[in-house]
PDB file of all heavy atoms in Angstrom:
ATOM      1  N   PHE A   1     -26.272  -8.101  -6.836  1.00  0.00           N
ATOM      2  CA  PHE A   1     -24.960  -8.579  -6.395  1.00  0.00           C
ATOM      3  C   PHE A   1     -23.864  -8.165  -7.375  1.00  0.00           C
ATOM      4  O   PHE A   1     -22.827  -7.647  -6.973  1.00  0.00           O
ATOM      5  CB  PHE A   1     -24.966 -10.104  -6.264  1.00  0.00           C
ATOM      6  CG  PHE A   1     -25.756 -10.603  -5.066  1.00  0.00           C
ATOM      7  CD1 PHE A   1     -26.434 -11.798  -5.099  1.00  0.00           C
ATOM      8  CD2 PHE A   1     -25.792  -9.850  -3.889  1.00  0.00           C
ATOM      9  CE1 PHE A   1     -27.159 -12.257  -4.019  1.00  0.00           C
ATOM     10  CE2 PHE A   1     -26.516 -10.307  -2.785  1.00  0.00           C
ATOM     11  CZ  PHE A   1     -27.183 -11.510  -2.866  1.00  0.00           C
ATOM     12  N   LEU A   2     -24.096  -8.396  -8.680  1.00  0.00           N
ATOM     13  CA  LEU A   2     -23.038  -8.147  -9.653  1.00  0.00           C
ATOM     14  C   LEU A   2     -22.869  -6.680  -9.958  1.00  0.00           C
ATOM     15  O   LEU A   2     -21.744  -6.182 -10.034  1.00  0.00           O
ATOM     16  CB  LEU A   2     -23.350  -8.932 -10.949  1.00  0.00           C
ATOM     17  CG  LEU A   2     -23.363 -10.458 -10.814  1.00  0.00           C
ATOM     18  CD1 LEU A   2     -23.693 -11.099 -12.150  1.00  0.00           C
ATOM     19  CD2 LEU A   2     -22.005 -10.964 -10.306  1.00  0.00           C
ATOM     20  N   ARG A   3     -23.944  -5.989 -10.145  1.00  0.00           N
ATOM     21  CA  ARG A   3     -23.851  -4.588 -10.523  1.00  0.00           C
ATOM     22  C   ARG A   3     -23.697  -3.674  -9.311  1.00  0.00           C
ATOM     23  O   ARG A   3     -22.785  -2.876  -9.197  1.00  0.00           O
ATOM     24  CB  ARG A   3     -25.043  -4.158 -11.366  1.00  0.00           C
ATOM     25  CG  ARG A   3     -24.985  -2.700 -11.790  1.00  0.00           C
ATOM     26  CD  ARG A   3     -26.152  -2.324 -12.673  1.00  0.00           C
ATOM     27  NE  ARG A   3     -26.099  -0.912 -13.053  1.00  0.00           N
ATOM     28  CZ  ARG A   3     -27.002  -0.307 -13.826  1.00  0.00           C
ATOM     29  NH1 ARG A   3     -28.011  -1.023 -14.324  1.00  0.00           N
ATOM     30  NH2 ARG A   3     -26.873   0.959 -14.123  1.00  0.00           N
ATOM     31  N   GLY A   4     -24.653  -3.788  -8.352  1.00  0.00           N
ATOM     32  CA  GLY A   4     -24.666  -2.890  -7.239  1.00  0.00           C
ATOM     33  C   GLY A   4     -23.532  -3.103  -6.274  1.00  0.00           C
ATOM     34  O   GLY A   4     -22.912  -2.145  -5.750  1.00  0.00           O
ATOM     35  N   GLU A   5     -23.168  -4.384  -5.993  1.00  0.00           N
ATOM     36  CA  GLU A   5     -22.185  -4.677  -4.967  1.00  0.00           C
ATOM     37  C   GLU A   5     -20.772  -4.917  -5.518  1.00  0.00           C
ATOM     38  O   GLU A   5     -19.824  -4.938  -4.749  1.00  0.00           O
ATOM     39  CB  GLU A   5     -22.639  -5.900  -4.159  1.00  0.00           C
ATOM     40  CG  GLU A   5     -23.893  -5.660  -3.338  1.00  0.00           C
ATOM     41  CD  GLU A   5     -23.668  -4.565  -2.304  1.00  0.00           C
ATOM     42  OE1 GLU A   5     -22.768  -4.698  -1.463  1.00  0.00           O
ATOM     43  OE2 GLU A   5     -24.405  -3.567  -2.362  1.00  0.00           O
ATOM     44  N   VAL A   6     -20.622  -5.104  -6.825  1.00  0.00           N
ATOM     45  CA  VAL A   6     -19.310  -5.330  -7.397  1.00  0.00           C
ATOM     46  C   VAL A   6     -18.918  -4.190  -8.349  1.00  0.00           C
ATOM     47  O   VAL A   6     -17.986  -3.431  -8.103  1.00  0.00           O
ATOM     48  CB  VAL A   6     -19.226  -6.708  -8.127  1.00  0.00           C
ATOM     49  CG1 VAL A   6     -17.849  -6.871  -8.760  1.00  0.00           C
ATOM     50  CG2 VAL A   6     -19.489  -7.831  -7.138  1.00  0.00           C
ATOM     51  N   VAL A   7     -19.676  -4.063  -9.446  1.00  0.00           N
ATOM     52  CA  VAL A   7     -19.331  -3.070 -10.474  1.00  0.00           C
ATOM     53  C   VAL A   7     -19.398  -1.654  -9.926  1.00  0.00           C
ATOM     54  O   VAL A   7     -18.461  -0.850 -10.083  1.00  0.00           O
ATOM     55  CB  VAL A   7     -20.267  -3.234 -11.678  1.00  0.00           C
ATOM     56  CG1 VAL A   7     -19.990  -2.114 -12.704  1.00  0.00           C
ATOM     57  CG2 VAL A   7     -20.060  -4.597 -12.327  1.00  0.00           C
ATOM     58  N   ASP A   8     -20.508  -1.304  -9.215  1.00  0.00           N
ATOM     59  CA  ASP A   8     -20.631   0.052  -8.698  1.00  0.00           C
ATOM     60  C   ASP A   8     -19.580   0.390  -7.670  1.00  0.00           C
ATOM     61  O   ASP A   8     -19.058   1.519  -7.606  1.00  0.00           O
ATOM     62  CB  ASP A   8     -22.036   0.262  -8.107  1.00  0.00           C
ATOM     63  CG  ASP A   8     -23.118   0.373  -9.157  1.00  0.00           C
ATOM     64  OD1 ASP A   8     -22.752   0.522 -10.340  1.00  0.00           O
ATOM     65  OD2 ASP A   8     -24.322   0.340  -8.810  1.00  0.00           O
ATOM     66  N   ARG A   9     -19.234  -0.588  -6.815  1.00  0.00           N
ATOM     67  CA  ARG A   9     -18.219  -0.320  -5.784  1.00  0.00           C
ATOM     68  C   ARG A   9     -16.827  -0.211  -6.384  1.00  0.00           C
ATOM     69  O   ARG A   9     -16.013   0.588  -5.924  1.00  0.00           O
ATOM     70  CB  ARG A   9     -18.248  -1.433  -4.733  1.00  0.00           C
ATOM     71  CG  ARG A   9     -19.452  -1.398  -3.816  1.00  0.00           C
ATOM     72  CD  ARG A   9     -19.351  -2.487  -2.780  1.00  0.00           C
ATOM     73  NE  ARG A   9     -20.562  -2.574  -1.958  1.00  0.00           N
ATOM     74  CZ  ARG A   9     -20.759  -1.852  -0.854  1.00  0.00           C
ATOM     75  NH1 ARG A   9     -19.828  -1.002  -0.443  1.00  0.00           N
ATOM     76  NH2 ARG A   9     -21.878  -1.983  -0.161  1.00  0.00           N
ATOM     77  N   LEU A  10     -16.537  -1.011  -7.395  1.00  0.00           N
ATOM     78  CA  LEU A  10     -15.204  -1.030  -7.981  1.00  0.00           C
ATOM     79  C   LEU A  10     -14.945   0.116  -8.954  1.00  0.00           C
ATOM     80  O   LEU A  10     -13.823   0.606  -9.044  1.00  0.00           O
ATOM     81  CB  LEU A  10     -14.943  -2.367  -8.678  1.00  0.00           C
ATOM     82  CG  LEU A  10     -14.813  -3.605  -7.787  1.00  0.00           C
ATOM     83  CD1 LEU A  10     -14.616  -4.833  -8.661  1.00  0.00           C
ATOM     84  CD2 LEU A  10     -13.678  -3.463  -6.819  1.00  0.00           C
ATOM     85  N   PHE A  11     -15.987   0.540  -9.671  1.00  0.00           N
ATOM     86  CA  PHE A  11     -15.724   1.434 -10.785  1.00  0.00           C
ATOM     87  C   PHE A  11     -16.526   2.747 -10.756  1.00  0.00           C
ATOM     88  O   PHE A  11     -16.310   3.601 -11.632  1.00  0.00           O
ATOM     89  CB  PHE A  11     -16.027   0.710 -12.109  1.00  0.00           C
ATOM     90  CG  PHE A  11     -15.249  -0.547 -12.291  1.00  0.00           C
ATOM     91  CD1 PHE A  11     -15.880  -1.795 -12.188  1.00  0.00           C
ATOM     92  CD2 PHE A  11     -13.882  -0.523 -12.533  1.00  0.00           C
ATOM     93  CE1 PHE A  11     -15.150  -2.960 -12.347  1.00  0.00           C
ATOM     94  CE2 PHE A  11     -13.162  -1.684 -12.695  1.00  0.00           C
ATOM     95  CZ  PHE A  11     -13.790  -2.914 -12.601  1.00  0.00           C
ATOM     96  N   THR A  12     -17.420   2.909  -9.784  1.00  0.00           N
ATOM     97  CA  THR A  12     -18.211   4.137  -9.767  1.00  0.00           C
ATOM     98  C   THR A  12     -18.239   4.705  -8.333  1.00  0.00           C
ATOM     99  O   THR A  12     -17.818   4.055  -7.390  1.00  0.00           O
ATOM    100  CB  THR A  12     -19.668   3.893 -10.229  1.00  0.00           C
ATOM    101  OG1 THR A  12     -20.385   3.189  -9.176  1.00  0.00           O
ATOM    102  CG2 THR A  12     -19.716   3.078 -11.506  1.00  0.00           C
ATOM    103  N   SER A  13     -18.739   5.904  -8.227  1.00  0.00           N
ATOM    104  CA  SER A  13     -18.880   6.548  -6.907  1.00  0.00           C
ATOM    105  C   SER A  13     -20.348   6.517  -6.453  1.00  0.00           C
ATOM    106  O   SER A  13     -20.797   7.384  -5.709  1.00  0.00           O
ATOM    107  CB  SER A  13     -18.395   8.002  -6.968  1.00  0.00           C
ATOM    108  OG  SER A  13     -19.112   8.733  -7.964  1.00  0.00           O
ATOM    109  N   ALA A  14     -21.105   5.518  -6.913  1.00  0.00           N
ATOM    110  CA  ALA A  14     -22.530   5.451  -6.632  1.00  0.00           C
ATOM    111  C   ALA A  14     -22.807   5.405  -5.130  1.00  0.00           C
ATOM    112  O   ALA A  14     -23.855   5.901  -4.681  1.00  0.00           O
ATOM    113  CB  ALA A  14     -23.163   4.242  -7.316  1.00  0.00           C
ATOM    114  N   HIS A  15     -21.912   4.799  -4.379  1.00  0.00           N
ATOM    115  CA  HIS A  15     -22.168   4.660  -2.931  1.00  0.00           C
ATOM    116  C   HIS A  15     -21.748   5.879  -2.152  1.00  0.00           C
ATOM    117  O   HIS A  15     -22.018   5.978  -0.949  1.00  0.00           O
ATOM    118  CB  HIS A  15     -21.441   3.418  -2.406  1.00  0.00           C
ATOM    119  CG  HIS A  15     -22.001   2.122  -2.909  1.00  0.00           C
ATOM    120  ND1 HIS A  15     -22.992   1.429  -2.254  1.00  0.00           N
ATOM    121  CD2 HIS A  15     -21.738   1.409  -4.033  1.00  0.00           C
ATOM    122  CE1 HIS A  15     -23.303   0.344  -2.923  1.00  0.00           C
ATOM    123  NE2 HIS A  15     -22.563   0.319  -4.013  1.00  0.00           N
ATOM    124  N   GLY A  16     -21.044   6.814  -2.789  1.00  0.00           N
ATOM    125  CA  GLY A  16     -20.743   8.094  -2.168  1.00  0.00           C
ATOM    126  C   GLY A  16     -19.831   7.971  -0.960  1.00  0.00           C
ATOM    127  O   GLY A  16     -20.015   8.712   0.033  1.00  0.00           O
ATOM    128  N   ARG A  17     -18.851   7.099  -0.998  1.00  0.00           N
ATOM    129  CA  ARG A  17     -17.965   6.881   0.157  1.00  0.00           C
ATOM    130  C   ARG A  17     -16.549   7.370  -0.205  1.00  0.00           C
ATOM    131  O   ARG A  17     -15.701   6.620  -0.646  1.00  0.00           O
ATOM    132  CB  ARG A  17     -17.938   5.413   0.542  1.00  0.00           C
ATOM    133  CG  ARG A  17     -19.295   4.926   1.039  1.00  0.00           C
ATOM    134  CD  ARG A  17     -19.349   3.453   1.297  1.00  0.00           C
ATOM    135  NE  ARG A  17     -20.616   3.045   1.858  1.00  0.00           N
ATOM    136  CZ  ARG A  17     -20.986   1.783   2.089  1.00  0.00           C
ATOM    137  NH1 ARG A  17     -20.146   0.810   1.753  1.00  0.00           N
ATOM    138  NH2 ARG A  17     -22.157   1.511   2.624  1.00  0.00           N
ATOM    139  N   ASN A  18     -16.345   8.670  -0.002  1.00  0.00           N
ATOM    140  CA  ASN A  18     -15.053   9.303  -0.255  1.00  0.00           C
ATOM    141  C   ASN A  18     -14.494   8.976  -1.642  1.00  0.00           C
ATOM    142  O   ASN A  18     -13.396   8.420  -1.781  1.00  0.00           O
ATOM    143  CB  ASN A  18     -14.041   8.841   0.814  1.00  0.00           C
ATOM    144  CG  ASN A  18     -14.526   9.148   2.232  1.00  0.00           C
ATOM    145  OD1 ASN A  18     -14.711  10.299   2.593  1.00  0.00           O
ATOM    146  ND2 ASN A  18     -14.746   8.103   3.025  1.00  0.00           N
ATOM    147  N   PRO A  19     -15.220   9.332  -2.715  1.00  0.00           N
ATOM    148  CA  PRO A  19     -14.782   8.972  -4.057  1.00  0.00           C
ATOM    149  C   PRO A  19     -13.592   9.785  -4.591  1.00  0.00           C
ATOM    150  O   PRO A  19     -12.988   9.410  -5.579  1.00  0.00           O
ATOM    151  CB  PRO A  19     -16.053   9.211  -4.910  1.00  0.00           C
ATOM    152  CG  PRO A  19     -16.764  10.280  -4.163  1.00  0.00           C
ATOM    153  CD  PRO A  19     -16.518  10.027  -2.714  1.00  0.00           C
ATOM    154  N   GLN A  20     -13.284  10.919  -3.955  1.00  0.00           N
ATOM    155  CA  GLN A  20     -12.183  11.735  -4.416  1.00  0.00           C
ATOM    156  C   GLN A  20     -10.878  10.932  -4.404  1.00  0.00           C
ATOM    157  O   GLN A  20     -10.589  10.236  -3.433  1.00  0.00           O
ATOM    158  CB  GLN A  20     -12.037  13.005  -3.585  1.00  0.00           C
ATOM    159  CG  GLN A  20     -13.275  13.892  -3.609  1.00  0.00           C
ATOM    160  CD  GLN A  20     -14.310  13.506  -2.555  1.00  0.00           C
ATOM    161  OE1 GLN A  20     -14.183  12.440  -1.953  1.00  0.00           O
ATOM    162  NE2 GLN A  20     -15.309  14.333  -2.357  1.00  0.00           N
ATOM    163  N   TRP A  21     -10.037  11.084  -5.439  1.00  0.00           N
ATOM    164  CA  TRP A  21      -8.855  10.252  -5.584  1.00  0.00           C
ATOM    165  C   TRP A  21      -7.896  10.383  -4.400  1.00  0.00           C
ATOM    166  O   TRP A  21      -7.223   9.420  -4.024  1.00  0.00           O
ATOM    167  CB  TRP A  21      -8.139  10.595  -6.894  1.00  0.00           C
ATOM    168  CG  TRP A  21      -7.534  11.963  -6.902  1.00  0.00           C
ATOM    169  CD1 TRP A  21      -8.119  13.100  -7.338  1.00  0.00           C
ATOM    170  CD2 TRP A  21      -6.243  12.340  -6.431  1.00  0.00           C
ATOM    171  NE1 TRP A  21      -7.297  14.184  -7.191  1.00  0.00           N
ATOM    172  CE2 TRP A  21      -6.128  13.760  -6.627  1.00  0.00           C
ATOM    173  CE3 TRP A  21      -5.153  11.651  -5.883  1.00  0.00           C
ATOM    174  CZ2 TRP A  21      -4.979  14.454  -6.299  1.00  0.00           C
ATOM    175  CZ3 TRP A  21      -4.019  12.345  -5.513  1.00  0.00           C
ATOM    176  CH2 TRP A  21      -3.922  13.726  -5.729  1.00  0.00           C
ATOM    177  N   TYR A  22      -7.852  11.568  -3.794  1.00  0.00           N
ATOM    178  CA  TYR A  22      -6.880  11.796  -2.723  1.00  0.00           C
ATOM    179  C   TYR A  22      -7.375  11.289  -1.382  1.00  0.00           C
ATOM    180  O   TYR A  22      -6.585  11.183  -0.438  1.00  0.00           O
ATOM    181  CB  TYR A  22      -6.588  13.296  -2.607  1.00  0.00           C
ATOM    182  CG  TYR A  22      -7.805  14.163  -2.376  1.00  0.00           C
ATOM    183  CD1 TYR A  22      -8.273  14.404  -1.100  1.00  0.00           C
ATOM    184  CD2 TYR A  22      -8.494  14.734  -3.463  1.00  0.00           C
ATOM    185  CE1 TYR A  22      -9.404  15.180  -0.886  1.00  0.00           C
ATOM    186  CE2 TYR A  22      -9.621  15.501  -3.265  1.00  0.00           C
ATOM    187  CZ  TYR A  22     -10.065  15.738  -1.961  1.00  0.00           C
ATOM    188  OH  TYR A  22     -11.185  16.485  -1.776  1.00  0.00           O
ATOM    189  N   LYS A  23      -8.682  10.960  -1.269  1.00  0.00           N
ATOM    190  CA  LYS A  23      -9.211  10.551   0.041  1.00  0.00           C
ATOM    191  C   LYS A  23      -8.578   9.242   0.510  1.00  0.00           C
ATOM    192  O   LYS A  23      -8.377   9.031   1.706  1.00  0.00           O
ATOM    193  CB  LYS A  23     -10.716  10.406  -0.036  1.00  0.00           C
ATOM    194  CG  LYS A  23     -11.469  11.732  -0.059  1.00  0.00           C
ATOM    195  CD  LYS A  23     -11.268  12.469   1.257  1.00  0.00           C
ATOM    196  CE  LYS A  23     -12.095  13.753   1.301  1.00  0.00           C
ATOM    197  NZ  LYS A  23     -13.537  13.525   1.402  1.00  0.00           N
ATOM    198  N   GLY A  24      -8.268   8.358  -0.419  1.00  0.00           N
ATOM    199  CA  GLY A  24      -7.637   7.091  -0.043  1.00  0.00           C
ATOM    200  C   GLY A  24      -6.307   7.299   0.646  1.00  0.00           C
ATOM    201  O   GLY A  24      -5.987   6.653   1.679  1.00  0.00           O
ATOM    202  N   PHE A  25      -5.491   8.210   0.121  1.00  0.00           N
ATOM    203  CA  PHE A  25      -4.185   8.491   0.718  1.00  0.00           C
ATOM    204  C   PHE A  25      -4.359   9.123   2.099  1.00  0.00           C
ATOM    205  O   PHE A  25      -3.618   8.818   3.047  1.00  0.00           O
ATOM    206  CB  PHE A  25      -3.362   9.423  -0.192  1.00  0.00           C
ATOM    207  CG  PHE A  25      -2.988   8.785  -1.500  1.00  0.00           C
ATOM    208  CD1 PHE A  25      -3.787   8.988  -2.618  1.00  0.00           C
ATOM    209  CD2 PHE A  25      -1.842   8.025  -1.608  1.00  0.00           C
ATOM    210  CE1 PHE A  25      -3.432   8.420  -3.825  1.00  0.00           C
ATOM    211  CE2 PHE A  25      -1.503   7.445  -2.805  1.00  0.00           C
ATOM    212  CZ  PHE A  25      -2.299   7.639  -3.926  1.00  0.00           C
ATOM    213  N   MET A  26      -5.380   9.988   2.227  1.00  0.00           N
ATOM    214  CA  MET A  26      -5.621  10.631   3.507  1.00  0.00           C
ATOM    215  C   MET A  26      -6.097   9.637   4.565  1.00  0.00           C
ATOM    216  O   MET A  26      -5.595   9.591   5.699  1.00  0.00           O
ATOM    217  CB  MET A  26      -6.648  11.758   3.357  1.00  0.00           C
ATOM    218  CG  MET A  26      -6.176  12.909   2.488  1.00  0.00           C
ATOM    219  SD  MET A  26      -7.501  14.120   2.205  1.00  0.00           S
ATOM    220  CE  MET A  26      -7.903  14.615   3.892  1.00  0.00           C
ATOM    221  N   ILE A  27      -7.076   8.809   4.193  1.00  0.00           N
ATOM    222  CA  ILE A  27      -7.689   7.889   5.156  1.00  0.00           C
ATOM    223  C   ILE A  27      -6.733   6.747   5.498  1.00  0.00           C
ATOM    224  O   ILE A  27      -6.402   6.505   6.669  1.00  0.00           O
ATOM    225  CB  ILE A  27      -9.014   7.344   4.620  1.00  0.00           C
ATOM    226  CG1 ILE A  27     -10.021   8.465   4.419  1.00  0.00           C
ATOM    227  CG2 ILE A  27      -9.585   6.260   5.552  1.00  0.00           C
ATOM    228  CD1 ILE A  27     -11.311   8.046   3.718  1.00  0.00           C
ATOM    229  N   TYR A  28      -6.270   6.047   4.473  1.00  0.00           N
ATOM    230  CA  TYR A  28      -5.476   4.852   4.711  1.00  0.00           C
ATOM    231  C   TYR A  28      -4.049   5.203   5.166  1.00  0.00           C
ATOM    232  O   TYR A  28      -3.475   4.499   6.003  1.00  0.00           O
ATOM    233  CB  TYR A  28      -5.442   3.969   3.471  1.00  0.00           C
ATOM    234  CG  TYR A  28      -6.821   3.573   2.999  1.00  0.00           C
ATOM    235  CD1 TYR A  28      -7.121   3.516   1.635  1.00  0.00           C
ATOM    236  CD2 TYR A  28      -7.825   3.273   3.918  1.00  0.00           C
ATOM    237  CE1 TYR A  28      -8.379   3.153   1.198  1.00  0.00           C
ATOM    238  CE2 TYR A  28      -9.103   2.913   3.475  1.00  0.00           C
ATOM    239  CZ  TYR A  28      -9.372   2.860   2.113  1.00  0.00           C
ATOM    240  OH  TYR A  28     -10.618   2.485   1.684  1.00  0.00           O
ATOM    241  N   GLY A  29      -3.506   6.291   4.612  1.00  0.00           N
ATOM    242  CA  GLY A  29      -2.167   6.677   5.025  1.00  0.00           C
ATOM    243  C   GLY A  29      -2.135   7.065   6.489  1.00  0.00           C
ATOM    244  O   GLY A  29      -1.207   6.665   7.227  1.00  0.00           O
ATOM    245  N   SER A  30      -3.129   7.830   6.926  1.00  0.00           N
ATOM    246  CA  SER A  30      -3.140   8.256   8.324  1.00  0.00           C
ATOM    247  C   SER A  30      -3.371   7.077   9.255  1.00  0.00           C
ATOM    248  O   SER A  30      -2.803   6.991  10.354  1.00  0.00           O
ATOM    249  CB  SER A  30      -4.233   9.321   8.543  1.00  0.00           C
ATOM    250  OG  SER A  30      -5.497   8.808   8.207  1.00  0.00           O
ATOM    251  N   LEU A  31      -4.213   6.115   8.840  1.00  0.00           N
ATOM    252  CA  LEU A  31      -4.453   4.946   9.697  1.00  0.00           C
ATOM    253  C   LEU A  31      -3.221   4.090   9.854  1.00  0.00           C
ATOM    254  O   LEU A  31      -2.903   3.644  10.976  1.00  0.00           O
ATOM    255  CB  LEU A  31      -5.578   4.100   9.086  1.00  0.00           C
ATOM    256  CG  LEU A  31      -7.014   4.610   9.278  1.00  0.00           C
ATOM    257  CD1 LEU A  31      -7.988   3.700   8.554  1.00  0.00           C
ATOM    258  CD2 LEU A  31      -7.347   4.665  10.774  1.00  0.00           C
ATOM    259  N   LEU A  32      -2.494   3.848   8.789  1.00  0.00           N
ATOM    260  CA  LEU A  32      -1.300   3.023   8.900  1.00  0.00           C
ATOM    261  C   LEU A  32      -0.159   3.728   9.625  1.00  0.00           C
ATOM    262  O   LEU A  32       0.624   3.082  10.329  1.00  0.00           O
ATOM    263  CB  LEU A  32      -0.822   2.579   7.505  1.00  0.00           C
ATOM    264  CG  LEU A  32      -1.756   1.625   6.774  1.00  0.00           C
ATOM    265  CD1 LEU A  32      -1.170   1.267   5.410  1.00  0.00           C
ATOM    266  CD2 LEU A  32      -1.989   0.346   7.572  1.00  0.00           C
ATOM    267  N   ALA A  33      -0.108   5.039   9.490  1.00  0.00           N
ATOM    268  CA  ALA A  33       0.963   5.788  10.158  1.00  0.00           C
ATOM    269  C   ALA A  33       0.649   6.022  11.633  1.00  0.00           C
ATOM    270  O   ALA A  33       1.396   5.655  12.523  1.00  0.00           O
ATOM    271  CB  ALA A  33       1.187   7.126   9.448  1.00  0.00           C
ATOM    272  N   ALA A  34      -0.503   6.654  11.911  1.00  0.00           N
ATOM    273  CA  ALA A  34      -0.867   6.998  13.285  1.00  0.00           C
ATOM    274  C   ALA A  34      -1.489   5.848  14.025  1.00  0.00           C
ATOM    275  O   ALA A  34      -1.364   5.754  15.243  1.00  0.00           O
ATOM    276  CB  ALA A  34      -1.809   8.198  13.276  1.00  0.00           C
ATOM    277  N   GLY A  35      -2.171   4.962  13.326  1.00  0.00           N
ATOM    278  CA  GLY A  35      -2.884   3.877  13.969  1.00  0.00           C
ATOM    279  C   GLY A  35      -1.984   2.787  14.514  1.00  0.00           C
ATOM    280  O   GLY A  35      -2.459   1.896  15.234  1.00  0.00           O
ATOM    281  N   PHE A  36      -0.686   2.803  14.168  1.00  0.00           N
ATOM    282  CA  PHE A  36       0.248   1.783  14.654  1.00  0.00           C
ATOM    283  C   PHE A  36       1.397   2.387  15.459  1.00  0.00           C
ATOM    284  O   PHE A  36       2.393   1.698  15.678  1.00  0.00           O
ATOM    285  CB  PHE A  36       0.795   0.971  13.471  1.00  0.00           C
ATOM    286  CG  PHE A  36      -0.192  -0.010  12.925  1.00  0.00           C
ATOM    287  CD1 PHE A  36      -1.162   0.378  12.038  1.00  0.00           C
ATOM    288  CD2 PHE A  36      -0.154  -1.349  13.303  1.00  0.00           C
ATOM    289  CE1 PHE A  36      -2.092  -0.526  11.531  1.00  0.00           C
ATOM    290  CE2 PHE A  36      -1.036  -2.261  12.816  1.00  0.00           C
ATOM    291  CZ  PHE A  36      -2.038  -1.860  11.909  1.00  0.00           C
ATOM    292  N   LEU A  37       1.277   3.671  15.814  1.00  0.00           N
ATOM    293  CA  LEU A  37       2.334   4.279  16.608  1.00  0.00           C
ATOM    294  C   LEU A  37       2.474   3.553  17.946  1.00  0.00           C
ATOM    295  O   LEU A  37       1.510   3.042  18.505  1.00  0.00           O
ATOM    296  CB  LEU A  37       2.016   5.752  16.880  1.00  0.00           C
ATOM    297  CG  LEU A  37       2.147   6.690  15.671  1.00  0.00           C
ATOM    298  CD1 LEU A  37       1.638   8.078  16.040  1.00  0.00           C
ATOM    299  CD2 LEU A  37       3.572   6.747  15.191  1.00  0.00           C
ATOM    300  N   PRO A  38       3.713   3.430  18.474  1.00  0.00           N
ATOM    301  CA  PRO A  38       4.976   4.033  17.974  1.00  0.00           C
ATOM    302  C   PRO A  38       5.781   3.097  17.085  1.00  0.00           C
ATOM    303  O   PRO A  38       6.932   3.391  16.760  1.00  0.00           O
ATOM    304  CB  PRO A  38       5.719   4.297  19.272  1.00  0.00           C
ATOM    305  CG  PRO A  38       5.353   3.135  20.133  1.00  0.00           C
ATOM    306  CD  PRO A  38       3.908   2.818  19.799  1.00  0.00           C
ATOM    307  N   TRP A  39       5.211   1.940  16.720  1.00  0.00           N
ATOM    308  CA  TRP A  39       5.994   0.903  16.051  1.00  0.00           C
ATOM    309  C   TRP A  39       6.582   1.319  14.726  1.00  0.00           C
ATOM    310  O   TRP A  39       7.737   0.944  14.436  1.00  0.00           O
ATOM    311  CB  TRP A  39       5.116  -0.337  15.893  1.00  0.00           C
ATOM    312  CG  TRP A  39       4.617  -0.889  17.166  1.00  0.00           C
ATOM    313  CD1 TRP A  39       3.326  -0.948  17.591  1.00  0.00           C
ATOM    314  CD2 TRP A  39       5.389  -1.463  18.246  1.00  0.00           C
ATOM    315  NE1 TRP A  39       3.227  -1.510  18.828  1.00  0.00           N
ATOM    316  CE2 TRP A  39       4.492  -1.845  19.263  1.00  0.00           C
ATOM    317  CE3 TRP A  39       6.763  -1.669  18.432  1.00  0.00           C
ATOM    318  CZ2 TRP A  39       4.902  -2.435  20.449  1.00  0.00           C
ATOM    319  CZ3 TRP A  39       7.174  -2.289  19.610  1.00  0.00           C
ATOM    320  CH2 TRP A  39       6.250  -2.651  20.588  1.00  0.00           C
ATOM    321  N   PRO A  40       5.911   2.094  13.842  1.00  0.00           N
ATOM    322  CA  PRO A  40       6.582   2.512  12.598  1.00  0.00           C
ATOM    323  C   PRO A  40       7.864   3.269  12.808  1.00  0.00           C
ATOM    324  O   PRO A  40       8.850   3.142  12.042  1.00  0.00           O
ATOM    325  CB  PRO A  40       5.514   3.334  11.895  1.00  0.00           C
ATOM    326  CG  PRO A  40       4.226   2.830  12.452  1.00  0.00           C
ATOM    327  CD  PRO A  40       4.507   2.517  13.866  1.00  0.00           C
ATOM    328  N   LEU A  41       7.938   4.117  13.868  1.00  0.00           N
ATOM    329  CA  LEU A  41       9.160   4.879  14.147  1.00  0.00           C
ATOM    330  C   LEU A  41      10.313   3.965  14.516  1.00  0.00           C
ATOM    331  O   LEU A  41      11.432   4.132  14.029  1.00  0.00           O
ATOM    332  CB  LEU A  41       8.864   5.898  15.261  1.00  0.00           C
ATOM    333  CG  LEU A  41       7.755   6.897  15.001  1.00  0.00           C
ATOM    334  CD1 LEU A  41       7.556   7.793  16.205  1.00  0.00           C
ATOM    335  CD2 LEU A  41       8.084   7.737  13.762  1.00  0.00           C
ATOM    336  N   PHE A  42      10.047   2.962  15.382  1.00  0.00           N
ATOM    337  CA  PHE A  42      11.085   2.031  15.765  1.00  0.00           C
ATOM    338  C   PHE A  42      11.559   1.204  14.587  1.00  0.00           C
ATOM    339  O   PHE A  42      12.732   0.952  14.414  1.00  0.00           O
ATOM    340  CB  PHE A  42      10.569   1.106  16.873  1.00  0.00           C
ATOM    341  CG  PHE A  42      10.413   1.777  18.204  1.00  0.00           C
ATOM    342  CD1 PHE A  42       9.190   1.816  18.839  1.00  0.00           C
ATOM    343  CD2 PHE A  42      11.494   2.349  18.843  1.00  0.00           C
ATOM    344  CE1 PHE A  42       9.034   2.413  20.048  1.00  0.00           C
ATOM    345  CE2 PHE A  42      11.362   2.977  20.055  1.00  0.00           C
ATOM    346  CZ  PHE A  42      10.111   3.005  20.682  1.00  0.00           C
ATOM    347  N   ALA A  43      10.590   0.791  13.742  1.00  0.00           N
ATOM    348  CA  ALA A  43      10.951  -0.048  12.602  1.00  0.00           C
ATOM    349  C   ALA A  43      11.788   0.730  11.603  1.00  0.00           C
ATOM    350  O   ALA A  43      12.760   0.195  11.039  1.00  0.00           O
ATOM    351  CB  ALA A  43       9.679  -0.583  11.934  1.00  0.00           C
ATOM    352  N   LEU A  44      11.418   1.996  11.337  1.00  0.00           N
ATOM    353  CA  LEU A  44      12.217   2.802  10.396  1.00  0.00           C
ATOM    354  C   LEU A  44      13.627   3.057  10.915  1.00  0.00           C
ATOM    355  O   LEU A  44      14.609   2.975  10.177  1.00  0.00           O
ATOM    356  CB  LEU A  44      11.483   4.138  10.147  1.00  0.00           C
ATOM    357  CG  LEU A  44      10.262   4.074   9.257  1.00  0.00           C
ATOM    358  CD1 LEU A  44       9.574   5.436   9.198  1.00  0.00           C
ATOM    359  CD2 LEU A  44      10.652   3.617   7.838  1.00  0.00           C
TER     360      LEU A  44
END
């Protein structure tokens, strides 16, 4: 629980889930932008 599910997830790439630093911007940025269309355009 402490090492595998907390430390490894927070500080290492042991789980191999898009560890590259730019992947977060690609995945989460696209979800928030495209996943809520057309509302972000109206709000801006």
